[in-house]
Protein backbone atom coordinates (compact mmCIF):
# COMPACT_ATOMS: atom_id res chain seq x y z
CA MET A 1 0.00 0.00 0.00
CA LYS A 2 1.21 3.51 -0.80
CA TRP A 3 0.96 6.42 1.59
CA SER A 4 1.34 10.14 1.21
CA GLU A 5 3.43 11.96 3.79
CA ILE A 6 1.98 15.39 4.52
CA THR A 7 4.45 17.86 6.05
CA ILE A 8 3.40 21.16 7.63
CA LEU A 9 5.94 23.78 8.68
CA THR A 10 4.34 25.75 11.47
CA THR A 11 4.96 27.12 14.99
CA ASN A 12 5.27 25.47 18.38
CA GLU A 13 2.02 27.17 19.36
CA ALA A 14 0.09 25.50 16.54
CA VAL A 15 1.42 21.94 16.99
CA GLU A 16 -1.37 20.66 19.25
CA PRO A 17 -4.35 21.95 17.23
CA ILE A 18 -2.75 20.89 13.92
CA SER A 19 -2.06 17.43 15.34
CA ASN A 20 -5.72 17.17 16.29
CA ILE A 21 -6.79 18.29 12.80
CA LEU A 22 -4.61 15.60 11.22
CA HIS A 23 -6.03 12.87 13.45
CA GLU A 24 -9.58 13.97 12.74
CA THR A 25 -8.95 13.61 9.00
CA GLY A 26 -7.68 10.05 9.37
CA ALA A 27 -3.91 10.59 9.43
CA SER A 28 -1.66 7.98 11.03
CA GLY A 29 1.81 7.91 12.55
CA LEU A 30 2.16 11.53 13.61
CA VAL A 31 5.72 12.93 13.80
CA ILE A 32 6.67 16.27 15.36
CA GLU A 33 10.12 17.64 14.53
CA ASP A 34 10.68 20.42 17.06
CA PRO A 35 14.32 21.56 17.50
CA LEU A 36 13.47 22.82 21.00
CA ASP A 37 12.94 19.22 22.09
CA LEU A 38 16.61 18.52 21.50
CA GLU A 39 17.60 21.42 23.75
CA TYR A 40 15.10 20.45 26.48
CA PHE A 41 16.04 16.81 26.83
CA GLU A 42 19.76 17.64 26.80
CA GLY A 43 19.45 20.24 29.56
CA GLU A 44 16.77 19.13 31.99
CA GLY A 45 18.41 16.02 33.37
CA PHE A 46 15.35 13.82 32.89
CA GLY A 47 17.21 11.56 30.47
CA GLU A 48 17.43 11.99 26.75
CA VAL A 49 15.77 10.88 23.56
CA VAL A 50 18.35 8.69 21.87
CA GLU A 51 19.15 8.19 18.20
CA LEU A 52 17.85 11.59 17.10
CA ASP A 53 19.75 13.45 14.40
CA PRO A 54 19.68 17.27 14.67
CA ASN A 55 19.87 17.38 10.87
CA ASP A 56 16.34 15.96 10.76
CA TYR A 57 14.96 19.09 12.43
CA PRO A 58 14.04 22.44 10.82
CA ASP A 59 16.20 25.52 11.37
CA GLU A 60 13.08 27.56 12.05
CA GLY A 61 9.64 26.59 13.34
CA VAL A 62 8.28 23.06 13.81
CA ARG A 63 7.57 20.37 11.22
CA VAL A 64 4.48 18.25 11.73
CA LYS A 65 4.30 15.11 9.60
CA ALA A 66 1.56 12.55 9.20
CA TYR A 67 0.64 9.80 6.77
CA LEU A 68 -2.47 9.64 4.61
CA PRO A 69 -3.54 6.66 2.47
CA MET A 70 -3.23 7.41 -1.24
CA ASN A 71 -6.74 7.15 -2.64
CA SER A 72 -9.17 9.10 -4.79
CA PHE A 73 -10.07 11.35 -1.83
CA LEU A 74 -6.51 12.44 -1.05
CA GLY A 75 -6.84 15.85 -2.72
CA GLU A 76 -10.06 16.63 -0.86
CA THR A 77 -8.53 15.50 2.44
CA VAL A 78 -5.51 17.77 1.98
CA ASP A 79 -7.78 20.70 1.13
CA GLU A 80 -9.78 20.06 4.32
CA ILE A 81 -6.58 20.03 6.35
CA LYS A 82 -5.41 23.31 4.83
CA GLN A 83 -8.76 25.00 5.47
CA ALA A 84 -8.90 23.78 9.08
CA ILE A 85 -5.37 25.05 9.74
CA ASN A 86 -6.19 28.46 8.27
CA GLN A 87 -9.23 28.67 10.56
CA LEU A 88 -6.89 28.54 13.56
CA LEU A 89 -6.18 32.19 12.81
CA LEU A 90 -9.71 32.93 14.03
CA TYR A 91 -8.59 31.74 17.48
CA ASP A 92 -5.53 34.00 17.42
CA ILE A 93 -3.19 31.03 16.98
CA ASP A 94 0.05 31.80 15.15
CA ILE A 95 0.45 29.22 12.35
CA GLY A 96 3.78 30.64 11.14
CA LYS A 97 4.88 29.93 7.58
CA ASN A 98 2.19 27.25 7.21
CA GLN A 99 4.03 25.54 4.36
CA VAL A 100 2.31 22.29 3.34
CA SER A 101 3.96 19.65 1.16
CA LEU A 102 3.24 16.08 0.08
CA SER A 103 5.52 13.16 -0.77
CA GLU A 104 4.90 9.51 -1.54
CA VAL A 105 6.13 6.72 0.74
CA HIS A 106 5.67 2.95 0.72
CA GLU A 107 4.12 1.11 3.65
CA GLU A 108 7.44 -0.31 4.86
CA GLU A 109 8.97 3.17 4.90
CA TRP A 110 5.91 4.60 6.66
CA ALA A 111 6.10 1.97 9.40
CA SER A 112 9.68 2.85 10.30
CA ALA A 113 9.77 6.57 9.40
CA TRP A 114 7.86 7.75 12.45
CA LYS A 115 8.94 5.08 14.95
CA LYS A 116 12.56 6.25 14.85
CA TYR A 117 11.49 9.46 16.62
CA TYR A 118 9.89 7.66 19.53
CA LYS A 119 12.26 6.34 22.20
CA PRO A 120 11.97 5.95 26.00
CA VAL A 121 12.32 9.27 27.79
CA LYS A 122 12.05 10.29 31.43
CA ILE A 123 9.73 13.31 31.58
CA SER A 124 9.63 13.92 35.35
CA ASN A 125 11.40 12.79 38.50
CA ARG A 126 9.57 9.47 38.50
CA VAL A 127 7.72 8.99 35.20
CA THR A 128 9.23 7.52 32.03
CA ILE A 129 7.32 7.20 28.76
CA THR A 130 8.25 4.29 26.52
CA PRO A 131 6.75 2.87 23.29
CA THR A 132 5.41 -0.65 23.44
CA TRP A 133 8.04 -1.99 21.03
CA GLU A 134 11.00 -0.87 23.18
CA ASP A 135 12.45 -3.22 25.81
CA TYR A 136 13.08 -0.69 28.56
CA LYS A 137 14.29 -1.54 32.06
CA PRO A 138 13.77 0.88 34.99
CA VAL A 139 16.95 2.51 36.24
CA SER A 140 15.61 3.22 39.75
CA THR A 141 13.26 1.45 42.15
CA ASP A 142 10.71 4.29 42.26
CA GLU A 143 10.59 4.86 38.48
CA LEU A 144 7.11 4.63 36.97
CA ILE A 145 6.87 3.29 33.42
CA ILE A 146 4.06 4.28 31.06
CA GLU A 147 3.84 2.26 27.86
CA LEU A 148 2.18 3.98 24.91
CA ASP A 149 1.15 2.87 21.46
CA PRO A 150 0.99 6.15 19.50
CA GLY A 151 -0.46 4.53 16.38
CA MET A 152 -3.83 6.21 16.98
CA ALA A 153 -2.75 8.58 19.71
CA PHE A 154 -2.27 12.32 20.02
CA GLY A 155 1.49 12.49 20.33
CA THR A 156 4.09 10.51 22.19
CA GLY A 157 3.71 11.99 25.67
CA THR A 158 6.89 14.06 25.50
CA HIS A 159 5.45 17.39 24.34
CA PRO A 160 6.07 20.21 26.86
CA THR A 161 2.36 20.54 27.65
CA THR A 162 2.22 16.86 28.61
CA VAL A 163 5.48 17.05 30.56
CA LEU A 164 4.16 20.01 32.58
CA SER A 165 0.91 18.15 33.26
CA VAL A 166 2.67 15.01 34.47
CA GLN A 167 4.95 17.05 36.71
CA GLY A 168 1.87 18.71 38.19
CA LEU A 169 0.25 15.34 38.82
CA GLU A 170 3.44 14.09 40.44
CA ALA A 171 3.35 17.05 42.82
CA TYR A 172 -0.31 16.90 43.85
CA VAL A 173 -1.88 13.46 43.33
CA GLN A 174 -2.19 11.61 46.63
CA SER A 175 -2.82 7.95 47.30
CA GLY A 176 -6.53 7.16 46.97
CA ASP A 177 -7.41 10.34 45.04
CA LYS A 178 -10.18 10.50 42.46
CA VAL A 179 -9.03 12.21 39.27
CA ILE A 180 -10.87 13.63 36.25
CA ASP A 181 -8.92 13.97 32.99
CA VAL A 182 -10.60 16.45 30.62
CA GLY A 183 -9.45 16.05 27.03
CA CYS A 184 -7.71 12.74 27.63
CA GLY A 185 -6.13 12.30 24.16
CA SER A 186 -3.86 9.26 24.33
CA GLY A 187 -4.63 8.69 28.02
CA VAL A 188 -1.12 9.39 29.29
CA LEU A 189 -2.33 11.71 32.07
CA SER A 190 -4.95 9.21 33.20
CA ILE A 191 -2.35 6.46 33.32
CA ALA A 192 0.16 8.69 35.12
CA SER A 193 -2.48 9.57 37.73
CA VAL A 194 -3.05 5.91 38.62
CA LYS A 195 0.67 5.14 38.59
CA LEU A 196 1.10 8.01 41.06
CA GLY A 197 -1.50 6.61 43.44
CA ALA A 198 -4.97 7.69 42.25
CA ALA A 199 -7.71 5.21 43.11
CA SER A 200 -9.77 5.98 39.99
CA VAL A 201 -9.82 8.23 36.93
CA GLN A 202 -12.73 9.48 34.85
CA ALA A 203 -11.33 10.37 31.40
CA PHE A 204 -13.33 12.45 28.94
CA ASP A 205 -12.77 13.55 25.35
CA LEU A 206 -15.09 14.82 22.64
CA ASP A 207 -13.18 12.85 20.01
CA ASP A 208 -14.14 9.18 19.83
CA ILE A 209 -10.67 8.33 18.46
CA ALA A 210 -9.14 9.78 21.61
CA VAL A 211 -11.44 7.67 23.80
CA LYS A 212 -10.43 4.53 21.89
CA SER A 213 -6.77 5.51 22.14
CA THR A 214 -7.06 6.05 25.90
CA ASN A 215 -8.76 2.70 26.36
CA LEU A 216 -6.04 0.99 24.31
CA ASN A 217 -3.18 2.52 26.27
CA VAL A 218 -4.91 1.95 29.61
CA LYS A 219 -5.24 -1.72 28.67
CA LEU A 220 -1.57 -1.88 27.63
CA ASN A 221 -0.66 -0.62 31.10
CA HIS A 222 -3.02 -3.10 32.81
CA LEU A 223 -5.09 -0.34 34.42
CA SER A 224 -8.56 -0.98 32.96
CA ASN A 225 -9.98 -1.44 36.46
CA TYR A 226 -8.92 2.08 37.43
CA VAL A 227 -9.63 4.27 34.37
CA THR A 228 -13.01 4.82 32.71
CA ALA A 229 -12.87 6.69 29.39
CA LYS A 230 -16.00 8.18 27.84
CA GLN A 231 -16.90 10.50 25.00
CA ASN A 232 -18.08 13.78 26.51
CA ASN A 233 -17.97 17.53 25.91
CA LEU A 234 -15.66 18.82 28.66
CA LEU A 235 -17.50 18.40 32.00
CA ASP A 236 -21.05 18.71 30.64
CA GLY A 237 -23.34 16.54 32.74
CA VAL A 238 -20.53 15.22 34.91
CA GLU A 239 -21.52 14.96 38.58
CA GLU A 240 -18.50 13.13 40.03
CA GLN A 241 -16.53 14.91 42.74
CA ALA A 242 -12.76 14.73 42.27
CA ASP A 243 -9.64 15.50 44.27
CA VAL A 244 -7.75 16.48 41.12
CA ILE A 245 -8.86 17.65 37.69
CA VAL A 246 -6.23 17.77 34.95
CA SER A 247 -6.71 19.27 31.51
CA ASN A 248 -4.12 19.62 28.76
CA ILE A 249 -5.99 21.49 26.04
CA LEU A 250 -6.08 24.96 24.51
CA ALA A 251 -6.49 27.99 26.78
CA GLU A 252 -9.63 29.02 24.88
CA ILE A 253 -11.25 25.73 25.88
CA ILE A 254 -10.01 25.74 29.48
CA VAL A 255 -11.70 29.07 30.23
CA ARG A 256 -15.02 27.65 29.02
CA PHE A 257 -15.34 25.12 31.84
CA VAL A 258 -13.56 26.74 34.79
CA GLU A 259 -16.82 27.02 36.77
CA ASP A 260 -17.64 23.37 36.08
CA ALA A 261 -14.18 22.37 37.26
CA TYR A 262 -14.71 24.34 40.46
CA SER A 263 -18.05 22.56 41.03
CA ASN A 264 -16.60 19.11 40.35
CA LEU A 265 -13.70 19.54 42.77
CA ARG A 266 -13.89 18.73 46.45
CA PRO A 267 -12.82 21.54 48.82
CA GLY A 268 -9.04 21.62 48.79
CA GLY A 269 -8.94 19.95 45.37
CA HIS A 270 -6.46 20.87 42.66
CA PHE A 271 -7.04 21.95 39.05
CA ILE A 272 -3.99 21.27 36.85
CA THR A 273 -4.18 23.13 33.54
CA SER A 274 -1.76 22.96 30.62
CA GLY A 275 -1.69 23.56 26.87
CA ILE A 276 -1.62 27.33 27.49
CA ILE A 277 0.51 29.51 25.24
CA GLN A 278 2.40 32.40 26.83
CA LYS A 279 0.12 35.15 25.52
CA LYS A 280 -2.96 33.41 26.97
CA LYS A 281 -1.43 32.87 30.43
CA GLN A 282 -3.06 35.91 32.02
CA LEU A 283 -6.43 35.08 30.45
CA VAL A 284 -6.51 31.66 32.13
CA ARG A 285 -5.10 32.96 35.39
CA ASP A 286 -7.74 35.71 35.62
CA ARG A 287 -10.53 33.28 34.80
CA LEU A 288 -9.42 30.86 37.50
CA THR A 289 -9.28 33.64 40.07
CA GLU A 290 -12.72 34.95 39.09
CA ALA A 291 -14.17 31.46 39.62
CA GLY A 292 -12.81 31.35 43.19
CA PHE A 293 -9.59 29.38 42.74
CA ASP A 294 -6.33 30.19 44.49
CA ILE A 295 -3.35 30.13 42.12
CA LEU A 296 -0.63 27.84 43.50
CA SER A 297 1.95 27.85 40.73
CA VAL A 298 2.69 28.90 37.17
CA SER A 299 5.26 26.73 35.37
CA GLU A 300 6.75 27.40 31.95
CA MET A 301 8.54 25.27 29.38
CA GLU A 302 9.52 26.63 25.98
CA ASP A 303 6.46 28.61 24.81
CA TRP A 304 4.03 26.72 27.04
CA VAL A 305 2.51 27.36 30.46
CA SER A 306 0.89 25.22 33.12
CA ILE A 307 -1.18 26.82 35.88
CA ILE A 308 -2.11 24.87 39.00
CA ALA A 309 -4.99 26.19 41.08
CA LYS A 310 -6.63 25.06 44.31
CA LYS A 311 -10.24 25.19 45.44
CA PRO A 312 -10.26 26.69 48.96
CA ASP A 313 -10.89 24.26 51.84
């Protein structure tokens, strides 16, 4: 079978929404070539991504690659992708050069082209993300291993927004906590929550592919008894009370359900938000404060921000 590799040169800010657009149009094997990742994993001391060649990365911006089956609908699919990316401008998202190109690859090349970018990496003091095909052995007794199959997923778990979220969970999840994961994507935050001691996780995503991906990865990590993933619009209709709510999505979406998050948290509960670009940091912070939250911390990595808030006791 022949595949078409679609490559989009964009900005770090636009990676998450463009990745979502590609998945929604049926793309497989997503690859993100971000030169900042090389700098981060070399300097943070959380381990490193091995076998990556700096020559594979753009000098400017970020390359997002995905693979589309070559069929009679390919032209229409590419047009849909281009239109959806251009519409991100309506949300004040910088899409940069937005250069889109196509190239043909064979199935064997497709299978290995994206896997070479995905190696085990330690993203926090205790949590290491590893693909299912890697034989990884823990290097310390308290290391927590999360296995992911990114074939249908929304990234590999090493994007700065995910790293910030996991570090927030590591700081605030307590043994026996109930956690709600809003916008669960590949399920990495749900899995991390249980690994860190949560008794149960309710995972929600509007995208049915994300729900399936979460269920797959939860099963791979043998945690099906602890995580329940459902298709849902944010926290609409959710009545569960949680100790921690985590959400790694766009700032524009976070501000839409701040009041619901406040209602669904027990007194003293924590709201971990990520996926926030620098210029939207104050917007989210103000919205959290208006809803009654106390701001505990603001963490930054590259162009991304995570804000952790607490509901008063």
